[in-house]
């Protein structure tokens, strides 16, 4: 009986760790998203009425990445 409980607890803890890893978003991921937006806009993937929202999001992302980059540079 204690083996069953231990296996269930291990499965629960493992599931929590897996969910945490899946929910991770790194600076490298954000940089990749920025590149994807840039490439998609060059290829005409967005309609003209969508470009304002895409551009605003792209600008926010670029500002954030520049801030992170400069703070990492200062830390080194």
N, C-alpha and C. Protein backbone atom coordinates (compact mmCIF):
# COMPACT_ATOMS: atom_id res chain seq x y z
N UNK A 1 0.82 -1.20 0.00
CA UNK A 1 0.00 0.00 0.00
C UNK A 1 0.86 1.26 0.00
N UNK A 2 1.93 1.27 0.77
CA UNK A 2 2.78 2.45 0.80
C UNK A 2 3.50 2.65 -0.52
N UNK A 3 3.76 1.57 -1.27
CA UNK A 3 4.38 1.70 -2.59
C UNK A 3 3.45 2.45 -3.53
N UNK A 4 2.16 2.13 -3.49
CA UNK A 4 1.19 2.80 -4.34
C UNK A 4 1.14 4.29 -4.03
N UNK A 5 1.14 4.63 -2.76
CA UNK A 5 1.08 6.03 -2.36
C UNK A 5 2.34 6.75 -2.82
N UNK A 6 3.49 6.13 -2.65
CA UNK A 6 4.75 6.75 -3.06
C UNK A 6 4.78 6.96 -4.57
N UNK A 7 4.30 6.00 -5.34
CA UNK A 7 4.29 6.14 -6.79
C UNK A 7 3.33 7.25 -7.22
N UNK A 8 2.18 7.35 -6.54
CA UNK A 8 1.23 8.40 -6.86
C UNK A 8 1.82 9.77 -6.54
N UNK A 9 2.48 9.89 -5.39
CA UNK A 9 3.09 11.16 -5.01
C UNK A 9 4.19 11.54 -5.99
N UNK A 10 4.99 10.56 -6.41
CA UNK A 10 6.05 10.82 -7.37
C UNK A 10 5.46 11.27 -8.70
N UNK A 11 4.39 10.64 -9.12
CA UNK A 11 3.75 11.01 -10.38
C UNK A 11 3.22 12.43 -10.30
N UNK A 12 2.65 12.80 -9.15
CA UNK A 12 2.11 14.15 -8.99
C UNK A 12 3.23 15.18 -9.03
N UNK A 13 4.32 14.91 -8.33
CA UNK A 13 5.44 15.85 -8.31
C UNK A 13 6.06 15.94 -9.69
N UNK A 14 6.21 14.82 -10.36
CA UNK A 14 6.75 14.82 -11.72
C UNK A 14 5.88 15.59 -12.67
N UNK A 15 4.58 15.47 -12.53
CA UNK A 15 3.65 16.21 -13.37
C UNK A 15 3.75 17.71 -13.14
N UNK A 16 3.94 18.11 -11.88
CA UNK A 16 4.08 19.53 -11.57
C UNK A 16 5.35 20.09 -12.20
N UNK A 17 6.45 19.34 -12.10
CA UNK A 17 7.70 19.79 -12.70
C UNK A 17 7.58 19.89 -14.20
N UNK A 18 6.89 18.94 -14.80
CA UNK A 18 6.71 18.95 -16.25
C UNK A 18 5.89 20.17 -16.67
N UNK A 19 4.85 20.48 -15.91
CA UNK A 19 4.04 21.65 -16.24
C UNK A 19 4.83 22.93 -16.11
N UNK A 20 5.70 23.01 -15.10
CA UNK A 20 6.52 24.19 -14.92
C UNK A 20 7.48 24.35 -16.09
N UNK A 21 8.08 23.27 -16.55
CA UNK A 21 9.00 23.34 -17.69
C UNK A 21 8.27 23.74 -18.96
N UNK A 22 7.05 23.29 -19.13
CA UNK A 22 6.29 23.62 -20.32
C UNK A 22 5.86 25.08 -20.33
N UNK A 23 5.71 25.68 -19.16
CA UNK A 23 5.24 27.05 -19.06
C UNK A 23 6.39 28.06 -19.09
N UNK A 24 7.61 27.59 -19.25
CA UNK A 24 8.77 28.47 -19.26
C UNK A 24 8.87 29.25 -20.55
N UNK A 25 9.23 30.51 -20.44
CA UNK A 25 9.45 31.36 -21.60
C UNK A 25 10.75 32.11 -21.35
N UNK A 26 11.74 31.88 -22.17
CA UNK A 26 13.06 32.47 -21.96
C UNK A 26 13.26 33.69 -22.85
N UNK A 27 14.33 34.42 -22.58
CA UNK A 27 14.68 35.57 -23.40
C UNK A 27 14.97 35.11 -24.83
N UNK A 28 15.57 33.94 -24.96
CA UNK A 28 15.85 33.41 -26.30
C UNK A 28 14.54 33.12 -27.05
N UNK A 29 13.53 32.64 -26.33
CA UNK A 29 12.22 32.41 -26.94
C UNK A 29 11.63 33.73 -27.44
N UNK A 30 11.75 34.77 -26.62
CA UNK A 30 11.22 36.08 -27.01
C UNK A 30 11.96 36.64 -28.22
N UNK A 31 13.27 36.43 -28.27
CA UNK A 31 14.05 36.87 -29.43
C UNK A 31 13.60 36.12 -30.69
N UNK A 32 13.32 34.84 -30.54
CA UNK A 32 12.83 34.04 -31.67
C UNK A 32 11.46 34.54 -32.12
N UNK A 33 10.60 34.90 -31.19
CA UNK A 33 9.28 35.44 -31.53
C UNK A 33 9.43 36.74 -32.31
N UNK A 34 10.37 37.58 -31.88
CA UNK A 34 10.62 38.84 -32.58
C UNK A 34 11.05 38.57 -34.03
N UNK A 35 11.92 37.60 -34.22
CA UNK A 35 12.36 37.25 -35.56
C UNK A 35 11.21 36.69 -36.40
N UNK A 36 10.35 35.91 -35.77
CA UNK A 36 9.19 35.35 -36.48
C UNK A 36 8.25 36.46 -36.93
N UNK A 37 8.00 37.42 -36.05
CA UNK A 37 7.13 38.55 -36.42
C UNK A 37 7.74 39.32 -37.57
N UNK A 38 9.05 39.57 -37.50
CA UNK A 38 9.73 40.30 -38.56
C UNK A 38 9.63 39.56 -39.90
N UNK A 39 9.89 38.29 -39.88
CA UNK A 39 9.82 37.48 -41.10
C UNK A 39 8.40 37.42 -41.65
N UNK A 40 7.43 37.22 -40.76
CA UNK A 40 6.03 37.13 -41.20
C UNK A 40 5.56 38.45 -41.81
N UNK A 41 5.98 39.57 -41.23
CA UNK A 41 5.56 40.86 -41.79
C UNK A 41 6.22 41.10 -43.14
N UNK A 42 7.47 40.67 -43.31
CA UNK A 42 8.14 40.81 -44.60
C UNK A 42 7.45 39.99 -45.68
N UNK A 43 6.90 38.86 -45.29
CA UNK A 43 6.24 37.97 -46.25
C UNK A 43 4.76 38.31 -46.46
N UNK A 44 4.29 39.34 -45.78
CA UNK A 44 2.91 39.78 -45.97
C UNK A 44 1.89 38.92 -45.27
N UNK A 45 2.25 38.36 -44.14
CA UNK A 45 1.35 37.45 -43.43
C UNK A 45 0.23 38.18 -42.67
N UNK A 46 0.39 39.48 -42.48
CA UNK A 46 -0.59 40.23 -41.71
C UNK A 46 -1.37 41.16 -42.63
N UNK A 47 -2.64 41.33 -42.34
CA UNK A 47 -3.48 42.26 -43.09
C UNK A 47 -3.15 43.68 -42.63
N UNK A 48 -3.40 44.66 -43.47
CA UNK A 48 -3.07 46.04 -43.09
C UNK A 48 -3.71 46.47 -41.77
N UNK A 49 -4.95 46.07 -41.52
CA UNK A 49 -5.60 46.48 -40.27
C UNK A 49 -5.02 45.77 -39.04
N UNK A 50 -4.25 44.73 -39.24
CA UNK A 50 -3.61 44.02 -38.13
C UNK A 50 -2.21 44.57 -37.82
N UNK A 51 -1.66 45.34 -38.75
CA UNK A 51 -0.28 45.79 -38.61
C UNK A 51 -0.06 46.70 -37.41
N UNK A 52 -1.05 47.47 -37.02
CA UNK A 52 -0.89 48.36 -35.86
C UNK A 52 -0.64 47.52 -34.61
N UNK A 53 -1.46 46.52 -34.38
CA UNK A 53 -1.29 45.67 -33.19
C UNK A 53 0.02 44.90 -33.26
N UNK A 54 0.36 44.40 -34.43
CA UNK A 54 1.61 43.66 -34.59
C UNK A 54 2.79 44.59 -34.34
N UNK A 55 2.74 45.78 -34.89
CA UNK A 55 3.82 46.75 -34.71
C UNK A 55 3.99 47.18 -33.26
N UNK A 56 2.89 47.40 -32.56
CA UNK A 56 2.97 47.79 -31.16
C UNK A 56 3.57 46.66 -30.32
N UNK A 57 3.14 45.45 -30.58
CA UNK A 57 3.66 44.29 -29.85
C UNK A 57 5.14 44.10 -30.16
N UNK A 58 5.50 44.25 -31.42
CA UNK A 58 6.89 44.12 -31.83
C UNK A 58 7.76 45.16 -31.13
N UNK A 59 7.28 46.39 -31.05
CA UNK A 59 8.03 47.46 -30.39
C UNK A 59 8.21 47.19 -28.90
N UNK A 60 7.17 46.71 -28.24
CA UNK A 60 7.26 46.37 -26.82
C UNK A 60 8.27 45.25 -26.61
N UNK A 61 8.22 44.26 -27.47
CA UNK A 61 9.13 43.13 -27.38
C UNK A 61 10.57 43.58 -27.60
N UNK A 62 10.77 44.42 -28.59
CA UNK A 62 12.11 44.93 -28.89
C UNK A 62 12.65 45.76 -27.72
N UNK A 63 11.82 46.60 -27.14
CA UNK A 63 12.23 47.41 -25.99
C UNK A 63 12.62 46.52 -24.81
N UNK A 64 11.82 45.50 -24.55
CA UNK A 64 12.10 44.58 -23.46
C UNK A 64 13.42 43.84 -23.70
N UNK A 65 13.60 43.32 -24.91
CA UNK A 65 14.83 42.59 -25.22
C UNK A 65 16.06 43.49 -25.13
N UNK A 66 15.95 44.75 -25.55
CA UNK A 66 17.07 45.68 -25.43
C UNK A 66 17.39 45.96 -23.96
N UNK A 67 16.36 46.10 -23.13
CA UNK A 67 16.57 46.34 -21.71
C UNK A 67 17.24 45.14 -21.05
N UNK A 68 16.81 43.95 -21.39
CA UNK A 68 17.41 42.75 -20.83
C UNK A 68 18.86 42.62 -21.29
N UNK A 69 19.09 42.90 -22.54
CA UNK A 69 20.44 42.82 -23.11
C UNK A 69 21.38 43.81 -22.42
N UNK A 70 20.92 45.03 -22.22
CA UNK A 70 21.77 46.03 -21.57
C UNK A 70 22.01 45.70 -20.11
N UNK A 71 21.00 45.16 -19.42
CA UNK A 71 21.19 44.80 -18.02
C UNK A 71 22.13 43.61 -17.87
N UNK A 72 22.10 42.69 -18.84
CA UNK A 72 23.03 41.56 -18.82
C UNK A 72 24.45 42.04 -19.10
N UNK A 73 24.57 43.02 -19.98
CA UNK A 73 25.87 43.59 -20.28
C UNK A 73 26.48 44.30 -19.08
N UNK A 74 25.65 45.01 -18.33
CA UNK A 74 26.11 45.68 -17.12
C UNK A 74 26.50 44.68 -16.04
N UNK A 75 25.78 43.57 -15.95
CA UNK A 75 26.06 42.55 -14.95
C UNK A 75 27.40 41.87 -15.20
N UNK A 76 27.78 41.78 -16.46
CA UNK A 76 29.04 41.13 -16.80
C UNK A 76 30.15 42.13 -16.62
